[in-house]
Amino acid sequence: MKKRTGHLFKRGPTYWLQYQVEGKRFTQSLGTRNLREAKAAAQTITAPYVAAGAADVLRTVAHRLADADATAERLADEAVPPVAIRRAWDLFLESE
């Protein structure tokens, strides 16, 4: 997972956004004096990085889910061993 940090700050009357992605620092003016507009602009600018982070998280979860399914299947096979051919007919006749 990539590490990202960021914050808004005010330089004079204008809001600025400073954020860091993978060790690189970016600073840019948001061109507004309104905090609400600055937060919306910051969210728009950082949205691709957040989405990339969410995609990484979902990929990890999907991989873990596949591993858990494989483990569960393996354990189920070990818990109920396959039937020997010589016992198969007898078990079939005993079943309902």
PDB file of N, CA and C in Angstrom:
ATOM      1  N   MET A   1       0.844  -1.156   0.000  1.00  0.00           N
ATOM      2  CA  MET A   1       0.000   0.000   0.000  1.00  0.00           C
ATOM      3  C   MET A   1       0.900   1.232   0.000  1.00  0.00           C
ATOM      4  N   LYS A   2       0.526   2.209  -0.813  1.00  0.00           N
ATOM      5  CA  LYS A   2       1.318   3.421  -0.916  1.00  0.00           C
ATOM      6  C   LYS A   2       0.953   4.370   0.217  1.00  0.00           C
ATOM      7  N   LYS A   3       1.958   5.046   0.722  1.00  0.00           N
ATOM      8  CA  LYS A   3       1.728   5.975   1.817  1.00  0.00           C
ATOM      9  C   LYS A   3       1.457   7.365   1.256  1.00  0.00           C
ATOM     10  N   ARG A   4       0.371   7.986   1.725  1.00  0.00           N
ATOM     11  CA  ARG A   4       0.010   9.319   1.287  1.00  0.00           C
ATOM     12  C   ARG A   4      -0.346  10.170   2.498  1.00  0.00           C
ATOM     13  N   THR A   5       0.084  11.419   2.471  1.00  0.00           N
ATOM     14  CA  THR A   5      -0.296  12.362   3.505  1.00  0.00           C
ATOM     15  C   THR A   5      -0.597  13.693   2.843  1.00  0.00           C
ATOM     16  N   GLY A   6      -1.322  14.548   3.527  1.00  0.00           N
ATOM     17  CA  GLY A   6      -1.602  15.854   2.966  1.00  0.00           C
ATOM     18  C   GLY A   6      -2.372  16.731   3.926  1.00  0.00           C
ATOM     19  N   HIS A   7      -2.335  18.043   3.648  1.00  0.00           N
ATOM     20  CA  HIS A   7      -3.074  18.980   4.474  1.00  0.00           C
ATOM     21  C   HIS A   7      -3.295  20.286   3.723  1.00  0.00           C
ATOM     22  N   LEU A   8      -4.293  21.023   4.176  1.00  0.00           N
ATOM     23  CA  LEU A   8      -4.561  22.356   3.667  1.00  0.00           C
ATOM     24  C   LEU A   8      -3.864  23.359   4.574  1.00  0.00           C
ATOM     25  N   PHE A   9      -3.399  24.441   3.988  1.00  0.00           N
ATOM     26  CA  PHE A   9      -2.878  25.537   4.793  1.00  0.00           C
ATOM     27  C   PHE A   9      -3.151  26.838   4.065  1.00  0.00           C
ATOM     28  N   LYS A  10      -3.043  27.919   4.812  1.00  0.00           N
ATOM     29  CA  LYS A  10      -3.358  29.222   4.270  1.00  0.00           C
ATOM     30  C   LYS A  10      -2.068  30.029   4.151  1.00  0.00           C
ATOM     31  N   ARG A  11      -1.822  30.537   2.971  1.00  0.00           N
ATOM     32  CA  ARG A  11      -0.683  31.426   2.742  1.00  0.00           C
ATOM     33  C   ARG A  11      -1.292  32.752   2.301  1.00  0.00           C
ATOM     34  N   GLY A  12      -1.254  33.715   3.209  1.00  0.00           N
ATOM     35  CA  GLY A  12      -1.965  34.975   2.944  1.00  0.00           C
ATOM     36  C   GLY A  12      -3.454  34.669   2.995  1.00  0.00           C
ATOM     37  N   PRO A  13      -4.232  35.192   2.077  1.00  0.00           N
ATOM     38  CA  PRO A  13      -5.672  34.909   2.093  1.00  0.00           C
ATOM     39  C   PRO A  13      -6.068  33.636   1.337  1.00  0.00           C
ATOM     40  N   THR A  14      -5.121  33.022   0.634  1.00  0.00           N
ATOM     41  CA  THR A  14      -5.416  31.898  -0.254  1.00  0.00           C
ATOM     42  C   THR A  14      -5.078  30.566   0.402  1.00  0.00           C
ATOM     43  N   TYR A  15      -5.932  29.562   0.156  1.00  0.00           N
ATOM     44  CA  TYR A  15      -5.678  28.203   0.649  1.00  0.00           C
ATOM     45  C   TYR A  15      -4.781  27.453  -0.336  1.00  0.00           C
ATOM     46  N   TRP A  16      -3.890  26.663   0.237  1.00  0.00           N
ATOM     47  CA  TRP A  16      -2.972  25.837  -0.526  1.00  0.00           C
ATOM     48  C   TRP A  16      -3.123  24.391  -0.068  1.00  0.00           C
ATOM     49  N   LEU A  17      -2.751  23.499  -0.948  1.00  0.00           N
ATOM     50  CA  LEU A  17      -2.760  22.068  -0.630  1.00  0.00           C
ATOM     51  C   LEU A  17      -1.325  21.561  -0.724  1.00  0.00           C
ATOM     52  N   GLN A  18      -0.900  20.872   0.322  1.00  0.00           N
ATOM     53  CA  GLN A  18       0.407  20.210   0.290  1.00  0.00           C
ATOM     54  C   GLN A  18       0.162  18.740   0.587  1.00  0.00           C
ATOM     55  N   TYR A  19       0.628  17.879  -0.298  1.00  0.00           N
ATOM     56  CA  TYR A  19       0.451  16.442  -0.106  1.00  0.00           C
ATOM     57  C   TYR A  19       1.701  15.705  -0.550  1.00  0.00           C
ATOM     58  N   GLN A  20       1.825  14.498  -0.078  1.00  0.00           N
ATOM     59  CA  GLN A  20       3.008  13.693  -0.346  1.00  0.00           C
ATOM     60  C   GLN A  20       2.559  12.321  -0.831  1.00  0.00           C
ATOM     61  N   VAL A  21       3.146  11.886  -1.942  1.00  0.00           N
ATOM     62  CA  VAL A  21       2.853  10.570  -2.502  1.00  0.00           C
ATOM     63  C   VAL A  21       4.176   9.877  -2.749  1.00  0.00           C
ATOM     64  N   GLU A  22       4.373   8.733  -2.080  1.00  0.00           N
ATOM     65  CA  GLU A  22       5.591   7.937  -2.217  1.00  0.00           C
ATOM     66  C   GLU A  22       6.854   8.769  -2.023  1.00  0.00           C
ATOM     67  N   GLY A  23       6.833   9.620  -1.026  1.00  0.00           N
ATOM     68  CA  GLY A  23       8.014  10.405  -0.696  1.00  0.00           C
ATOM     69  C   GLY A  23       8.183  11.697  -1.470  1.00  0.00           C
ATOM     70  N   LYS A  24       7.388  11.933  -2.489  1.00  0.00           N
ATOM     71  CA  LYS A  24       7.470  13.176  -3.251  1.00  0.00           C
ATOM     72  C   LYS A  24       6.445  14.165  -2.708  1.00  0.00           C
ATOM     73  N   ARG A  25       6.884  15.376  -2.445  1.00  0.00           N
ATOM     74  CA  ARG A  25       6.006  16.394  -1.887  1.00  0.00           C
ATOM     75  C   ARG A  25       5.523  17.327  -2.990  1.00  0.00           C
ATOM     76  N   PHE A  26       4.227  17.589  -2.996  1.00  0.00           N
ATOM     77  CA  PHE A  26       3.604  18.486  -3.964  1.00  0.00           C
ATOM     78  C   PHE A  26       2.893  19.602  -3.205  1.00  0.00           C
ATOM     79  N   THR A  27       3.036  20.827  -3.707  1.00  0.00           N
ATOM     80  CA  THR A  27       2.357  21.979  -3.111  1.00  0.00           C
ATOM     81  C   THR A  27       1.731  22.767  -4.241  1.00  0.00           C
ATOM     82  N   GLN A  28       0.448  23.096  -4.079  1.00  0.00           N
ATOM     83  CA  GLN A  28      -0.198  23.890  -5.111  1.00  0.00           C
ATOM     84  C   GLN A  28      -1.291  24.756  -4.513  1.00  0.00           C
ATOM     85  N   SER A  29      -1.469  25.903  -5.160  1.00  0.00           N
ATOM     86  CA  SER A  29      -2.494  26.840  -4.727  1.00  0.00           C
ATOM     87  C   SER A  29      -3.850  26.333  -5.187  1.00  0.00           C
ATOM     88  N   LEU A  30      -4.840  26.481  -4.329  1.00  0.00           N
ATOM     89  CA  LEU A  30      -6.191  26.095  -4.704  1.00  0.00           C
ATOM     90  C   LEU A  30      -6.976  27.285  -5.246  1.00  0.00           C
ATOM     91  N   GLY A  31      -6.388  28.477  -5.160  1.00  0.00           N
ATOM     92  CA  GLY A  31      -6.972  29.660  -5.774  1.00  0.00           C
ATOM     93  C   GLY A  31      -8.277  30.130  -5.153  1.00  0.00           C
ATOM     94  N   THR A  32      -8.493  29.842  -3.891  1.00  0.00           N
ATOM     95  CA  THR A  32      -9.728  30.252  -3.236  1.00  0.00           C
ATOM     96  C   THR A  32      -9.450  30.731  -1.818  1.00  0.00           C
ATOM     97  N   ARG A  33     -10.353  31.578  -1.339  1.00  0.00           N
ATOM     98  CA  ARG A  33     -10.260  32.065   0.040  1.00  0.00           C
ATOM     99  C   ARG A  33     -11.284  31.366   0.928  1.00  0.00           C
ATOM    100  N   ASN A  34     -12.136  30.568   0.323  1.00  0.00           N
ATOM    101  CA  ASN A  34     -13.221  29.885   1.034  1.00  0.00           C
ATOM    102  C   ASN A  34     -12.752  28.482   1.430  1.00  0.00           C
ATOM    103  N   LEU A  35     -12.884  28.151   2.708  1.00  0.00           N
ATOM    104  CA  LEU A  35     -12.426  26.842   3.201  1.00  0.00           C
ATOM    105  C   LEU A  35     -13.220  25.697   2.579  1.00  0.00           C
ATOM    106  N   ARG A  36     -14.524  25.851   2.431  1.00  0.00           N
ATOM    107  CA  ARG A  36     -15.351  24.788   1.849  1.00  0.00           C
ATOM    108  C   ARG A  36     -14.930  24.500   0.410  1.00  0.00           C
ATOM    109  N   GLU A  37     -14.692  25.551  -0.367  1.00  0.00           N
ATOM    110  CA  GLU A  37     -14.237  25.365  -1.749  1.00  0.00           C
ATOM    111  C   GLU A  37     -12.839  24.738  -1.782  1.00  0.00           C
ATOM    112  N   ALA A  38     -12.002  25.129  -0.838  1.00  0.00           N
ATOM    113  CA  ALA A  38     -10.645  24.573  -0.778  1.00  0.00           C
ATOM    114  C   ALA A  38     -10.689  23.080  -0.475  1.00  0.00           C
ATOM    115  N   LYS A  39     -11.550  22.679   0.459  1.00  0.00           N
ATOM    116  CA  LYS A  39     -11.669  21.247   0.770  1.00  0.00           C
ATOM    117  C   LYS A  39     -12.181  20.460  -0.428  1.00  0.00           C
ATOM    118  N   ALA A  40     -13.151  21.029  -1.160  1.00  0.00           N
ATOM    119  CA  ALA A  40     -13.676  20.344  -2.348  1.00  0.00           C
ATOM    120  C   ALA A  40     -12.598  20.217  -3.418  1.00  0.00           C
ATOM    121  N   ALA A  41     -11.825  21.275  -3.620  1.00  0.00           N
ATOM    122  CA  ALA A  41     -10.753  21.231  -4.617  1.00  0.00           C
ATOM    123  C   ALA A  41      -9.675  20.234  -4.210  1.00  0.00           C
ATOM    124  N   ALA A  42      -9.338  20.200  -2.925  1.00  0.00           N
ATOM    125  CA  ALA A  42      -8.332  19.254  -2.446  1.00  0.00           C
ATOM    126  C   ALA A  42      -8.808  17.822  -2.646  1.00  0.00           C
ATOM    127  N   GLN A  43     -10.084  17.583  -2.391  1.00  0.00           N
ATOM    128  CA  GLN A  43     -10.619  16.239  -2.581  1.00  0.00           C
ATOM    129  C   GLN A  43     -10.568  15.842  -4.052  1.00  0.00           C
ATOM    130  N   THR A  44     -10.850  16.763  -4.941  1.00  0.00           N
ATOM    131  CA  THR A  44     -10.783  16.486  -6.377  1.00  0.00           C
ATOM    132  C   THR A  44      -9.355  16.160  -6.810  1.00  0.00           C
ATOM    133  N   ILE A  45      -8.397  16.904  -6.275  1.00  0.00           N
ATOM    134  CA  ILE A  45      -6.996  16.695  -6.656  1.00  0.00           C
ATOM    135  C   ILE A  45      -6.470  15.363  -6.131  1.00  0.00           C
ATOM    136  N   THR A  46      -6.829  15.010  -4.909  1.00  0.00           N
ATOM    137  CA  THR A  46      -6.298  13.782  -4.309  1.00  0.00           C
ATOM    138  C   THR A  46      -7.134  12.539  -4.606  1.00  0.00           C
ATOM    139  N   ALA A  47      -8.260  12.684  -5.292  1.00  0.00           N
ATOM    140  CA  ALA A  47      -9.147  11.543  -5.580  1.00  0.00           C
ATOM    141  C   ALA A  47      -8.444  10.395  -6.312  1.00  0.00           C
ATOM    142  N   PRO A  48      -7.603  10.653  -7.333  1.00  0.00           N
ATOM    143  CA  PRO A  48      -6.936   9.523  -7.998  1.00  0.00           C
ATOM    144  C   PRO A  48      -6.041   8.712  -7.061  1.00  0.00           C
ATOM    145  N   TYR A  49      -5.400   9.381  -6.126  1.00  0.00           N
ATOM    146  CA  TYR A  49      -4.526   8.678  -5.190  1.00  0.00           C
ATOM    147  C   TYR A  49      -5.335   7.856  -4.200  1.00  0.00           C
ATOM    148  N   VAL A  50      -6.458   8.402  -3.770  1.00  0.00           N
ATOM    149  CA  VAL A  50      -7.335   7.669  -2.851  1.00  0.00           C
ATOM    150  C   VAL A  50      -7.928   6.451  -3.550  1.00  0.00           C
ATOM    151  N   ALA A  51      -8.351   6.632  -4.807  1.00  0.00           N
ATOM    152  CA  ALA A  51      -8.921   5.513  -5.564  1.00  0.00           C
ATOM    153  C   ALA A  51      -7.879   4.424  -5.791  1.00  0.00           C
ATOM    154  N   ALA A  52      -6.646   4.831  -6.068  1.00  0.00           N
ATOM    155  CA  ALA A  52      -5.583   3.841  -6.256  1.00  0.00           C
ATOM    156  C   ALA A  52      -5.360   3.065  -4.963  1.00  0.00           C
ATOM    157  N   GLY A  53      -5.435   3.758  -3.839  1.00  0.00           N
ATOM    158  CA  GLY A  53      -5.282   3.094  -2.546  1.00  0.00           C
ATOM    159  C   GLY A  53      -6.406   2.125  -2.280  1.00  0.00           C
ATOM    160  N   ALA A  54      -7.634   2.517  -2.634  1.00  0.00           N
ATOM    161  CA  ALA A  54      -8.785   1.635  -2.448  1.00  0.00           C
ATOM    162  C   ALA A  54      -8.668   0.402  -3.341  1.00  0.00           C
ATOM    163  N   ALA A  55      -8.173   0.597  -4.557  1.00  0.00           N
ATOM    164  CA  ALA A  55      -7.989  -0.544  -5.465  1.00  0.00           C
ATOM    165  C   ALA A  55      -6.951  -1.511  -4.905  1.00  0.00           C
ATOM    166  N   ASP A  56      -5.872  -0.976  -4.332  1.00  0.00           N
ATOM    167  CA  ASP A  56      -4.855  -1.840  -3.720  1.00  0.00           C
ATOM    168  C   ASP A  56      -5.445  -2.644  -2.568  1.00  0.00           C
ATOM    169  N   VAL A  57      -6.257  -1.981  -1.757  1.00  0.00           N
ATOM    170  CA  VAL A  57      -6.884  -2.659  -0.620  1.00  0.00           C
ATOM    171  C   VAL A  57      -7.801  -3.775  -1.115  1.00  0.00           C
ATOM    172  N   LEU A  58      -8.612  -3.490  -2.127  1.00  0.00           N
ATOM    173  CA  LEU A  58      -9.540  -4.502  -2.645  1.00  0.00           C
ATOM    174  C   LEU A  58      -8.801  -5.669  -3.288  1.00  0.00           C
ATOM    175  N   ARG A  59      -7.686  -5.382  -3.974  1.00  0.00           N
ATOM    176  CA  ARG A  59      -6.890  -6.469  -4.546  1.00  0.00           C
ATOM    177  C   ARG A  59      -6.345  -7.375  -3.444  1.00  0.00           C
ATOM    178  N   THR A  60      -5.882  -6.766  -2.365  1.00  0.00           N
ATOM    179  CA  THR A  60      -5.359  -7.534  -1.238  1.00  0.00           C
ATOM    180  C   THR A  60      -6.448  -8.386  -0.610  1.00  0.00           C
ATOM    181  N   VAL A  61      -7.625  -7.800  -0.428  1.00  0.00           N
ATOM    182  CA  VAL A  61      -8.747  -8.537   0.163  1.00  0.00           C
ATOM    183  C   VAL A  61      -9.149  -9.699  -0.745  1.00  0.00           C
ATOM    184  N   ALA A  62      -9.205  -9.465  -2.046  1.00  0.00           N
ATOM    185  CA  ALA A  62      -9.573 -10.531  -2.988  1.00  0.00           C
ATOM    186  C   ALA A  62      -8.555 -11.668  -2.933  1.00  0.00           C
ATOM    187  N   HIS A  63      -7.278 -11.312  -2.836  1.00  0.00           N
ATOM    188  CA  HIS A  63      -6.232 -12.341  -2.753  1.00  0.00           C
ATOM    189  C   HIS A  63      -6.373 -13.138  -1.458  1.00  0.00           C
ATOM    190  N   ARG A  64      -6.624 -12.458  -0.353  1.00  0.00           N
ATOM    191  CA  ARG A  64      -6.801 -13.155   0.921  1.00  0.00           C
ATOM    192  C   ARG A  64      -8.035 -14.052   0.898  1.00  0.00           C
ATOM    193  N   LEU A  65      -9.095 -13.589   0.250  1.00  0.00           N
ATOM    194  CA  LEU A  65     -10.310 -14.391   0.136  1.00  0.00           C
ATOM    195  C   LEU A  65     -10.040 -15.667  -0.658  1.00  0.00           C
ATOM    196  N   ALA A  66      -9.304 -15.543  -1.758  1.00  0.00           N
ATOM    197  CA  ALA A  66      -8.972 -16.720  -2.561  1.00  0.00           C
ATOM    198  C   ALA A  66      -8.118 -17.697  -1.751  1.00  0.00           C
ATOM    199  N   ASP A  67      -7.169 -17.166  -0.984  1.00  0.00           N
ATOM    200  CA  ASP A  67      -6.342 -18.036  -0.135  1.00  0.00           C
ATOM    201  C   ASP A  67      -7.177 -18.738   0.929  1.00  0.00           C
ATOM    202  N   ALA A  68      -8.110 -18.005   1.536  1.00  0.00           N
ATOM    203  CA  ALA A  68      -8.968 -18.599   2.568  1.00  0.00           C
ATOM    204  C   ALA A  68      -9.858 -19.678   1.972  1.00  0.00           C
ATOM    205  N   ASP A  69     -10.393 -19.448   0.777  1.00  0.00           N
ATOM    206  CA  ASP A  69     -11.218 -20.460   0.109  1.00  0.00           C
ATOM    207  C   ASP A  69     -10.399 -21.719  -0.184  1.00  0.00           C
ATOM    208  N   ALA A  70      -9.186 -21.538  -0.665  1.00  0.00           N
ATOM    209  CA  ALA A  70      -8.327 -22.687  -0.967  1.00  0.00           C
ATOM    210  C   ALA A  70      -7.989 -23.462   0.306  1.00  0.00           C
ATOM    211  N   THR A  71      -7.724 -22.740   1.389  1.00  0.00           N
ATOM    212  CA  THR A  71      -7.415 -23.400   2.657  1.00  0.00           C
ATOM    213  C   THR A  71      -8.628 -24.161   3.179  1.00  0.00           C
ATOM    214  N   ALA A  72      -9.806 -23.537   3.100  1.00  0.00           N
ATOM    215  CA  ALA A  72     -11.028 -24.200   3.566  1.00  0.00           C
ATOM    216  C   ALA A  72     -11.308 -25.460   2.754  1.00  0.00           C
ATOM    217  N   GLU A  73     -11.105 -25.391   1.467  1.00  0.00           N
ATOM    218  CA  GLU A  73     -11.334 -26.556   0.610  1.00  0.00           C
ATOM    219  C   GLU A  73     -10.349 -27.677   0.945  1.00  0.00           C
ATOM    220  N   ARG A  74      -9.088 -27.308   1.159  1.00  0.00           N
ATOM    221  CA  ARG A  74      -8.067 -28.302   1.510  1.00  0.00           C
ATOM    222  C   ARG A  74      -8.392 -28.955   2.853  1.00  0.00           C
ATOM    223  N   LEU A  75      -8.790 -28.157   3.839  1.00  0.00           N
ATOM    224  CA  LEU A  75      -9.124 -28.707   5.152  1.00  0.00           C
ATOM    225  C   LEU A  75     -10.365 -29.590   5.104  1.00  0.00           C
ATOM    226  N   ALA A  76     -11.338 -29.222   4.274  1.00  0.00           N
ATOM    227  CA  ALA A  76     -12.540 -30.048   4.125  1.00  0.00           C
ATOM    228  C   ALA A  76     -12.179 -31.395   3.502  1.00  0.00           C
ATOM    229  N   ASP A  77     -11.281 -31.384   2.534  1.00  0.00           N
ATOM    230  CA  ASP A  77     -10.850 -32.643   1.915  1.00  0.00           C
ATOM    231  C   ASP A  77     -10.092 -33.515   2.903  1.00  0.00           C
ATOM    232  N   GLU A  78      -9.303 -32.881   3.771  1.00  0.00           N
ATOM    233  CA  GLU A  78      -8.564 -33.649   4.769  1.00  0.00           C
ATOM    234  C   GLU A  78      -9.484 -34.196   5.857  1.00  0.00           C
ATOM    235  N   ALA A  79     -10.540 -33.470   6.190  1.00  0.00           N
ATOM    236  CA  ALA A  79     -11.467 -33.896   7.243  1.00  0.00           C
ATOM    237  C   ALA A  79     -12.308 -35.077   6.793  1.00  0.00           C
ATOM    238  N   VAL A  80     -12.679 -35.103   5.531  1.00  0.00           N
ATOM    239  CA  VAL A  80     -13.477 -36.201   4.994  1.00  0.00           C
ATOM    240  C   VAL A  80     -12.650 -36.841   3.878  1.00  0.00           C
ATOM    241  N   PRO A  81     -11.881 -37.856   4.223  1.00  0.00           N
ATOM    242  CA  PRO A  81     -11.020 -38.472   3.208  1.00  0.00           C
ATOM    243  C   PRO A  81     -11.865 -39.157   2.125  1.00  0.00           C
ATOM    244  N   PRO A  82     -11.318 -39.275   0.945  1.00  0.00           N
ATOM    245  CA  PRO A  82     -12.060 -39.932  -0.131  1.00  0.00           C
ATOM    246  C   PRO A  82     -12.324 -41.402   0.204  1.00  0.00           C
ATOM    247  N   VAL A  83     -13.382 -41.907  -0.362  1.00  0.00           N
ATOM    248  CA  VAL A  83     -13.802 -43.291  -0.102  1.00  0.00           C
ATOM    249  C   VAL A  83     -12.981 -44.237  -0.978  1.00  0.00           C
ATOM    250  N   ALA A  84     -12.556 -45.324  -0.376  1.00  0.00           N
ATOM    251  CA  ALA A  84     -11.847 -46.350  -1.139  1.00  0.00           C
ATOM    252  C   ALA A  84     -12.840 -47.026  -2.082  1.00  0.00           C
ATOM    253  N   ILE A  85     -12.369 -47.401  -3.223  1.00  0.00           N
ATOM    254  CA  ILE A  85     -13.248 -47.999  -4.240  1.00  0.00           C
ATOM    255  C   ILE A  85     -13.929 -49.253  -3.713  1.00  0.00           C
ATOM    256  N   ARG A  86     -13.234 -50.071  -2.942  1.00  0.00           N
ATOM    257  CA  ARG A  86     -13.834 -51.314  -2.454  1.00  0.00           C
ATOM    258  C   ARG A  86     -14.980 -51.047  -1.473  1.00  0.00           C
ATOM    259  N   ARG A  87     -15.015 -49.838  -0.837  1.00  0.00           N
ATOM    260  CA  ARG A  87     -16.087 -49.518   0.109  1.00  0.00           C
ATOM    261  C   ARG A  87     -17.193 -48.678  -0.536  1.00  0.00           C
ATOM    262  N   ALA A  88     -16.998 -48.219  -1.750  1.00  0.00           N
ATOM    263  CA  ALA A  88     -17.941 -47.294  -2.373  1.00  0.00           C
ATOM    264  C   ALA A  88     -19.333 -47.913  -2.518  1.00  0.00           C
ATOM    265  N   TRP A  89     -19.424 -49.154  -2.998  1.00  0.00           N
ATOM    266  CA  TRP A  89     -20.736 -49.775  -3.206  1.00  0.00           C
ATOM    267  C   TRP A  89     -21.457 -49.992  -1.878  1.00  0.00           C
ATOM    268  N   ASP A  90     -20.738 -50.420  -0.858  1.00  0.00           N
ATOM    269  CA  ASP A  90     -21.357 -50.622   0.454  1.00  0.00           C
ATOM    270  C   ASP A  90     -21.886 -49.307   1.019  1.00  0.00           C
ATOM    271  N   LEU A  91     -21.135 -48.258   0.883  1.00  0.00           N
ATOM    272  CA  LEU A  91     -21.588 -46.948   1.375  1.00  0.00           C
ATOM    273  C   LEU A  91     -22.792 -46.461   0.581  1.00  0.00           C
ATOM    274  N   PHE A  92     -22.804 -46.722  -0.712  1.00  0.00           N
ATOM    275  CA  PHE A  92     -23.936 -46.324  -1.540  1.00  0.00           C
ATOM    276  C   PHE A  92     -25.209 -47.057  -1.093  1.00  0.00           C
ATOM    277  N   LEU A  93     -25.114 -48.333  -0.822  1.00  0.00           N
ATOM    278  CA  LEU A  93     -26.277 -49.101  -0.383  1.00  0.00           C
ATOM    279  C   LEU A  93     -26.755 -48.665   1.016  1.00  0.00           C
ATOM    280  N   GLU A  94     -25.836 -48.219   1.876  1.00  0.00           N
ATOM    281  CA  GLU A  94     -26.211 -47.761   3.220  1.00  0.00           C
ATOM    282  C   GLU A  94     -26.834 -46.366   3.200  1.00  0.00           C
ATOM    283  N   SER A  95     -26.554 -45.579   2.186  1.00  0.00           N
ATOM    284  CA  SER A  95     -27.071 -44.221   2.160  1.00  0.00           C
ATOM    285  C   SER A  95     -28.542 -44.208   1.793  1.00  0.00           C
ATOM    286  N   GLU A  96     -29.199 -43.124   2.134  1.00  0.00           N
ATOM    287  CA  GLU A  96     -30.645 -42.995   1.843  1.00  0.00           C
ATOM    288  C   GLU A  96     -30.892 -42.435   0.485  1.00  0.00           C
TER     289      GLU A  96
END
